[in-house]
Amino acid sequence: MAELIYGRDSRAALANRRETALLFDPGANPALRHVRPALFLALQNDKPVGRIACAVDEFCREENTGFFGAFEAVRDEQIARALMEEAGKWLGEQKCEKMIGPAMVNTNQQVGVLIDGFSAPPTFVLPYNPPYYRELFESCGCKKLADLLAYQWSTEDTLPEEINRAARRARRYPGTVVQPLNSCLPFNRQVEAVHYILNRSMERNWGYIPLTLPEVLAILTHYQRVADPRLLLLARVDHRPAGICFCIPRLEGPVGKPVFRLALLAVVPEFRQRGIDALLLETCHAALPPGSQIEMSQIHEGNSVVLKMVQRVTPHPPVRRYRVYQRSIS
C-alpha cells in the first residue's frame, strides 16, 4: 500500500512499512496488550487503493473514544469516506461515540497528519503523508482537535542566559543531580524510574495514556540501543526520580550533519519551578556533537509551559505542523 502512495523505493515507503509493522506487532508493541485493533483494506478492481486501522484502548481516559490511524489512500474522496465509515462502524460496535486520529494504535504512539512542512525528508517515528490527506480527512467530516508543532535548533546557537540562569538555580538545591541514566541505576531501576517520571509528569497532558512497565521497558530498550548514553539523562533530588531528558539520533539527517530528536523532556510536578528542566537541557546541549541540529517535535499548540521554553531556545517558527482530527460516530 505504501509503495502505491509514495513509490516503491522511497524513504517514505520504507518508513511507513517499518513503523506499521512494528506498531501492529504484539511481540514488539506491548501497548497491544490493552488495545483492541481492527484493520480494513479498500480494493478497487481487486487492487488495494486504501487502508485504515481503528482501535479501542482500555486505558484511554476519554470515555467512549476510539482511534483511527494507519491511513493510506489514493486521492479519492469516495474511497476515503468508505474507509472512515467502516472504521466508525466498527468503533460504534465497541460503544464508541467519537474517534480521534490519525493515531497509530493510540495517542501515545504515532499521531497526527502532516499539514505543513513537507520540504523536510520523511523520518521514522514521525508521521509523513501526501499533502492531500488533509483534504480527504476534512471531506469525511473530520474536525480539527489539535495541532502538534515541531521546532528545530542547533548547538551552534548558545543557550540563552535565561536557561543557564535557571540551570544554576537548580544546582543550588541540595541533592539535585543530573547523570546519564545507565551510570546511576541498574536497568530494572531505570525502567521503574522512567515509568514513574512519565506517568507523573504527563498525566495532565493532552492525549496521554498511562504507560505500563512493559511499554517503558520497550521504549528504554530501543533508546539504549540507538542513543549515546550521555544523551539519556536522569535528574534526581535526594535520590528520588525527578526528571528525564532523552535525545536520540535521527539517522536520516543530512550527510555529514549530526541530527537528533529531543524525544522526551519531563519533570514530575513536585520538582517543577526549580530549573530542573533547564539543567537537563543544558547538560544535554553540552554532550551533543558540535554543529548538531536538534528537533523538538509534536508539542501540543496549547502547551504554553513547554512552548515558552522552546521559544527561549530558538526564535524560529515551527518547521512542521501535524493535525489531529476528531469525528463523531453516528
Protein backbone atom coordinates (compact mmCIF):
# COMPACT_ATOMS: atom_id res chain seq x y z
CA MET A 1 0.00 0.00 0.00
CA ALA A 2 2.78 2.44 0.92
CA GLU A 3 4.51 1.80 -2.42
CA LEU A 4 1.33 2.85 -4.27
CA ILE A 5 1.26 6.21 -2.47
CA TYR A 6 4.97 7.05 -2.12
CA GLY A 7 6.77 4.92 -4.73
CA ARG A 8 8.38 1.53 -4.22
CA ASP A 9 11.86 2.63 -3.15
CA SER A 10 11.10 5.95 -1.47
CA ARG A 11 12.21 6.77 2.06
CA ALA A 12 8.57 7.45 2.99
CA ALA A 13 7.52 3.96 1.88
CA LEU A 14 10.34 2.35 3.86
CA ALA A 15 9.50 4.35 7.00
CA ASN A 16 5.81 3.56 6.57
CA ARG A 17 6.36 -0.19 6.24
CA ARG A 18 8.71 -0.32 9.21
CA GLU A 19 6.52 1.73 11.54
CA THR A 20 3.31 -0.08 10.65
CA ALA A 21 4.90 -3.49 11.05
CA LEU A 22 6.34 -2.64 14.46
CA LEU A 23 3.29 -0.89 15.89
CA PHE A 24 0.93 -3.71 14.99
CA ASP A 25 3.29 -6.50 16.09
CA PRO A 26 2.24 -7.76 19.57
CA GLY A 27 5.77 -9.01 20.15
CA ALA A 28 7.24 -5.54 19.55
CA ASN A 29 4.47 -3.29 20.90
CA PRO A 30 3.33 -4.08 24.47
CA ALA A 31 0.52 -1.49 24.16
CA LEU A 32 -1.41 -4.10 22.18
CA ARG A 33 -1.97 -5.93 25.47
CA HIS A 34 -4.58 -3.30 26.35
CA VAL A 35 -5.59 -2.22 22.82
CA ARG A 36 -8.10 -3.96 20.53
CA PRO A 37 -7.37 -3.08 16.88
CA ALA A 38 -9.18 -3.75 13.62
CA LEU A 39 -7.68 -3.31 10.13
CA PHE A 40 -9.52 -2.57 6.87
CA LEU A 41 -8.37 -2.55 3.26
CA ALA A 42 -10.11 -0.86 0.29
CA LEU A 43 -9.92 -2.70 -3.04
CA GLN A 44 -10.74 -1.41 -6.49
CA ASN A 45 -10.70 -3.97 -9.33
CA ASP A 46 -9.01 -6.35 -6.87
CA LYS A 47 -6.17 -3.89 -6.27
CA PRO A 48 -5.53 -2.14 -2.93
CA VAL A 49 -6.28 1.60 -3.03
CA GLY A 50 -6.61 2.42 0.64
CA ARG A 51 -6.35 1.18 4.21
CA ILE A 52 -7.31 2.23 7.72
CA ALA A 53 -6.90 0.85 11.22
CA CYS A 54 -9.04 1.56 14.25
CA ALA A 55 -8.54 0.71 17.89
CA VAL A 56 -10.00 0.87 21.36
CA ASP A 57 -7.62 1.31 24.30
CA GLU A 58 -8.97 0.16 27.66
CA PHE A 59 -6.63 2.64 29.41
CA CYS A 60 -7.86 5.67 27.43
CA ARG A 61 -9.01 8.43 29.79
CA GLU A 62 -11.50 9.81 27.26
CA GLU A 63 -14.76 7.93 27.67
CA ASN A 64 -16.42 6.38 24.61
CA THR A 65 -13.48 7.30 22.40
CA GLY A 66 -11.70 5.20 19.79
CA PHE A 67 -8.79 5.86 17.46
CA PHE A 68 -8.24 5.66 13.71
CA GLY A 69 -4.84 5.57 12.03
CA ALA A 70 -2.51 3.77 9.62
CA PHE A 71 -4.48 5.63 6.94
CA GLU A 72 -3.21 5.49 3.38
CA ALA A 73 -5.31 6.14 0.29
CA VAL A 74 -5.23 7.37 -3.27
CA ARG A 75 -6.67 10.84 -3.88
CA ASP A 76 -10.32 9.81 -3.99
CA GLU A 77 -12.93 11.16 -1.55
CA GLN A 78 -15.25 8.19 -2.01
CA ILE A 79 -12.52 5.73 -1.03
CA ALA A 80 -11.52 7.83 1.98
CA ARG A 81 -15.15 8.14 3.06
CA ALA A 82 -15.74 4.39 2.72
CA LEU A 83 -12.69 3.65 4.87
CA MET A 84 -13.72 6.19 7.50
CA GLU A 85 -17.27 4.85 7.61
CA GLU A 86 -16.03 1.29 8.06
CA ALA A 87 -13.77 2.36 10.91
CA GLY A 88 -16.62 4.29 12.50
CA LYS A 89 -18.96 1.33 12.18
CA TRP A 90 -16.51 -0.99 13.96
CA LEU A 91 -15.80 1.56 16.70
CA GLY A 92 -19.53 2.13 17.16
CA GLU A 93 -19.90 -1.60 17.80
CA GLN A 94 -17.32 -1.14 20.58
CA LYS A 95 -19.60 1.51 22.18
CA CYS A 96 -17.51 4.47 20.99
CA GLU A 97 -19.24 7.78 20.28
CA LYS A 98 -16.28 9.57 18.67
CA MET A 99 -12.94 8.76 17.10
CA ILE A 100 -9.64 10.61 17.18
CA GLY A 101 -6.85 10.37 14.67
CA PRO A 102 -4.75 9.74 12.83
CA ALA A 103 -3.33 7.83 15.79
CA MET A 104 -1.49 4.59 15.17
CA VAL A 105 -2.77 2.30 17.96
CA ASN A 106 -3.30 5.22 20.39
CA THR A 107 -2.24 8.82 21.06
CA ASN A 108 0.94 7.72 22.87
CA GLN A 109 2.40 6.43 19.62
CA GLN A 110 2.48 7.76 16.07
CA VAL A 111 -0.10 10.54 15.96
CA GLY A 112 -1.23 13.29 13.61
CA VAL A 113 -1.24 14.02 9.88
CA LEU A 114 1.41 16.31 8.43
CA ILE A 115 -0.25 19.50 7.15
CA ASP A 116 2.71 21.90 6.92
CA GLY A 117 6.44 21.36 6.44
CA PHE A 118 6.60 18.90 3.55
CA SER A 119 10.05 20.04 2.42
CA ALA A 120 11.71 18.13 5.27
CA PRO A 121 12.52 14.48 4.46
CA PRO A 122 10.36 11.67 5.93
CA THR A 123 11.62 10.30 9.22
CA PHE A 124 10.97 7.17 11.23
CA VAL A 125 8.59 7.60 14.19
CA LEU A 126 7.03 10.88 13.00
CA PRO A 127 4.12 10.90 10.51
CA TYR A 128 4.67 11.68 6.86
CA ASN A 129 1.98 11.75 4.17
CA PRO A 130 0.94 13.46 0.92
CA PRO A 131 -0.47 16.99 1.32
CA TYR A 132 -3.89 15.90 0.05
CA TYR A 133 -4.60 13.77 3.16
CA ARG A 134 -5.82 16.89 4.96
CA GLU A 135 -8.34 17.42 2.18
CA LEU A 136 -9.51 13.79 2.39
CA PHE A 137 -9.99 13.88 6.17
CA GLU A 138 -11.94 17.13 6.10
CA SER A 139 -14.13 15.88 3.26
CA CYS A 140 -15.11 12.97 5.53
CA GLY A 141 -16.39 15.23 8.30
CA CYS A 142 -13.24 15.27 10.43
CA LYS A 143 -12.83 18.44 12.52
CA LYS A 144 -9.59 19.82 13.94
CA LEU A 145 -8.96 18.72 17.52
CA ALA A 146 -5.39 19.94 18.00
CA ASP A 147 -2.17 20.82 16.19
CA LEU A 148 1.23 19.42 17.22
CA LEU A 149 4.32 21.51 16.41
CA ALA A 150 7.93 20.71 15.55
CA TYR A 151 10.81 23.14 16.11
CA GLN A 152 14.49 22.95 15.25
CA TRP A 153 17.61 24.44 16.85
CA SER A 154 21.35 23.98 16.62
CA THR A 155 24.21 23.56 19.06
CA GLU A 156 25.88 26.36 17.13
CA ASP A 157 23.37 28.62 18.89
CA THR A 158 24.30 29.18 22.52
CA LEU A 159 21.61 28.56 25.10
CA PRO A 160 20.01 31.80 26.25
CA GLU A 161 21.16 33.22 29.58
CA GLU A 162 17.67 32.65 30.99
CA ILE A 163 18.13 28.88 30.57
CA ASN A 164 21.66 28.95 32.03
CA ARG A 165 20.46 31.02 34.98
CA ALA A 166 17.64 28.55 35.70
CA ALA A 167 20.13 25.65 35.48
CA ARG A 168 22.40 27.38 38.02
CA ARG A 169 19.41 27.79 40.32
CA ALA A 170 18.67 24.05 40.04
CA ARG A 171 22.24 23.18 41.07
CA ARG A 172 21.81 25.18 44.27
CA TYR A 173 19.03 22.91 45.51
CA PRO A 174 20.58 20.32 47.86
CA GLY A 175 20.65 16.78 46.49
CA THR A 176 19.91 17.73 42.85
CA VAL A 177 21.94 15.64 40.40
CA VAL A 178 21.72 15.06 36.62
CA GLN A 179 23.53 11.97 35.30
CA PRO A 180 23.35 9.53 32.39
CA LEU A 181 20.64 7.03 33.24
CA ASN A 182 22.86 3.97 32.90
CA SER A 183 25.56 5.36 35.18
CA CYS A 184 23.44 5.70 38.30
CA LEU A 185 20.87 2.87 38.28
CA PRO A 186 20.70 -0.83 37.31
CA PHE A 187 18.45 -1.45 34.31
CA ASN A 188 15.35 -2.62 36.22
CA ARG A 189 15.54 0.51 38.39
CA GLN A 190 15.95 2.66 35.26
CA VAL A 191 12.68 1.25 33.90
CA GLU A 192 10.91 1.91 37.20
CA ALA A 193 12.26 5.47 37.40
CA VAL A 194 11.28 6.36 33.81
CA HIS A 195 7.86 4.73 34.29
CA TYR A 196 7.27 6.87 37.39
CA ILE A 197 8.50 10.10 35.80
CA LEU A 198 6.49 9.71 32.59
CA ASN A 199 3.22 8.78 34.26
CA ARG A 200 3.53 11.53 36.89
CA SER A 201 4.75 14.29 34.56
CA MET A 202 2.48 13.55 31.61
CA GLU A 203 -0.75 12.69 33.42
CA ARG A 204 -2.39 16.03 32.56
CA ASN A 205 -1.02 16.25 29.02
CA TRP A 206 -3.40 16.07 26.11
CA GLY A 207 -3.77 12.56 24.70
CA TYR A 208 -1.53 10.86 27.26
CA ILE A 209 -2.48 7.31 28.20
CA PRO A 210 -0.74 5.83 31.26
CA LEU A 211 2.17 3.62 30.25
CA THR A 212 2.70 0.14 31.61
CA LEU A 213 6.09 -1.14 32.77
CA PRO A 214 6.42 -3.38 29.66
CA GLU A 215 5.82 -0.34 27.42
CA VAL A 216 8.52 1.66 29.21
CA LEU A 217 10.84 -1.35 29.02
CA ALA A 218 10.35 -1.45 25.22
CA ILE A 219 10.96 2.31 24.88
CA LEU A 220 14.07 2.26 27.02
CA THR A 221 15.49 -0.86 25.36
CA HIS A 222 15.15 0.83 21.95
CA TYR A 223 16.62 4.14 23.11
CA GLN A 224 19.60 2.48 24.77
CA ARG A 225 20.27 0.54 21.57
CA VAL A 226 20.36 3.62 19.32
CA ALA A 227 21.36 6.57 21.54
CA ASP A 228 24.58 7.85 23.06
CA PRO A 229 24.17 7.06 26.80
CA ARG A 230 25.32 10.62 27.63
CA LEU A 231 22.10 11.84 25.99
CA LEU A 232 19.77 9.68 28.10
CA LEU A 233 19.69 11.78 31.25
CA LEU A 234 18.04 11.31 34.62
CA ALA A 235 17.57 14.07 37.21
CA ARG A 236 17.24 13.05 40.83
CA VAL A 237 16.61 15.01 44.01
CA ASP A 238 17.81 13.23 47.16
CA HIS A 239 17.96 10.03 45.05
CA ARG A 240 14.29 10.41 44.06
CA PRO A 241 13.45 10.39 40.31
CA ALA A 242 12.68 13.96 39.29
CA GLY A 243 13.02 14.28 35.50
CA ILE A 244 14.38 12.88 32.25
CA CYS A 245 15.82 14.22 29.01
CA PHE A 246 16.23 11.75 26.13
CA CYS A 247 17.87 12.89 22.88
CA ILE A 248 18.12 10.26 20.15
CA PRO A 249 19.85 10.32 16.75
CA ARG A 250 17.93 10.71 13.51
CA LEU A 251 19.82 8.52 11.08
CA GLU A 252 18.15 10.06 8.06
CA GLY A 253 19.59 13.56 8.54
CA PRO A 254 21.78 15.44 6.02
CA VAL A 255 25.09 13.78 5.13
CA GLY A 256 27.87 14.91 7.49
CA LYS A 257 25.48 16.78 9.81
CA PRO A 258 24.56 15.18 13.17
CA VAL A 259 20.79 15.36 13.61
CA PHE A 260 18.91 14.46 16.79
CA ARG A 261 15.38 14.45 18.12
CA LEU A 262 14.65 15.60 21.64
CA ALA A 263 12.25 12.74 22.25
CA LEU A 264 11.43 13.34 25.93
CA LEU A 265 11.89 16.18 28.40
CA ALA A 266 9.80 15.74 31.53
CA VAL A 267 9.85 16.78 35.19
CA VAL A 268 7.46 15.46 37.84
CA PRO A 269 5.12 18.11 39.34
CA GLU A 270 6.66 18.22 42.82
CA PHE A 271 10.06 19.24 41.39
CA ARG A 272 8.92 21.84 38.87
CA GLN A 273 9.76 25.54 39.20
CA ARG A 274 13.30 24.62 40.33
CA GLY A 275 15.04 24.88 36.93
CA ILE A 276 15.49 21.10 36.62
CA ASP A 277 14.21 21.15 33.03
CA ALA A 278 16.79 23.84 32.21
CA LEU A 279 19.55 21.82 33.90
CA LEU A 280 18.61 18.74 31.88
CA LEU A 281 18.58 20.78 28.67
CA GLU A 282 21.93 22.43 29.47
CA THR A 283 23.55 19.05 30.22
CA CYS A 284 22.16 17.56 27.01
CA HIS A 285 23.33 20.56 24.97
CA ALA A 286 26.88 20.18 26.33
CA ALA A 287 27.00 16.47 25.41
CA LEU A 288 25.84 16.88 21.80
CA PRO A 289 28.43 16.82 18.98
CA PRO A 290 29.41 20.27 17.66
CA GLY A 291 27.17 21.51 14.86
CA SER A 292 24.28 19.21 15.77
CA GLN A 293 20.74 20.02 14.73
CA ILE A 294 18.06 19.10 17.26
CA GLU A 295 14.36 18.76 16.61
CA MET A 296 11.80 19.24 19.36
CA SER A 297 8.65 17.78 17.94
CA GLN A 298 4.96 17.14 18.41
CA ILE A 299 4.46 19.78 21.07
CA HIS A 300 0.78 20.49 21.65
CA GLU A 301 -0.12 24.01 20.49
CA GLY A 302 -1.80 24.62 23.85
CA ASN A 303 1.16 23.50 25.99
CA SER A 304 2.23 27.03 26.97
CA VAL A 305 4.85 25.88 29.51
CA VAL A 306 6.85 23.80 27.01
CA LEU A 307 6.35 26.28 24.17
CA LYS A 308 7.70 29.07 26.37
CA MET A 309 10.91 27.11 26.92
CA VAL A 310 11.19 26.16 23.25
CA GLN A 311 10.79 29.77 22.19
CA ARG A 312 13.58 30.76 24.57
CA VAL A 313 15.88 28.23 22.90
CA THR A 314 15.01 29.06 19.30
CA PRO A 315 13.42 32.21 17.85
CA HIS A 316 12.42 30.38 14.66
CA PRO A 317 8.83 29.38 13.83
CA PRO A 318 7.76 25.71 13.69
CA VAL A 319 9.32 23.69 10.87
CA ARG A 320 6.39 21.25 10.73
CA ARG A 321 2.78 21.09 11.87
CA TYR A 322 0.75 17.93 12.46
CA ARG A 323 -3.03 17.92 12.88
CA VAL A 324 -5.17 15.60 14.97
CA TYR A 325 -8.83 15.30 14.00
CA GLN A 326 -11.99 14.25 15.75
CA ARG A 327 -15.08 12.74 14.13
CA SER A 328 -18.43 11.84 15.65
CA ILE A 329 -19.71 8.29 15.24
CA SER A 330 -23.40 8.35 14.39
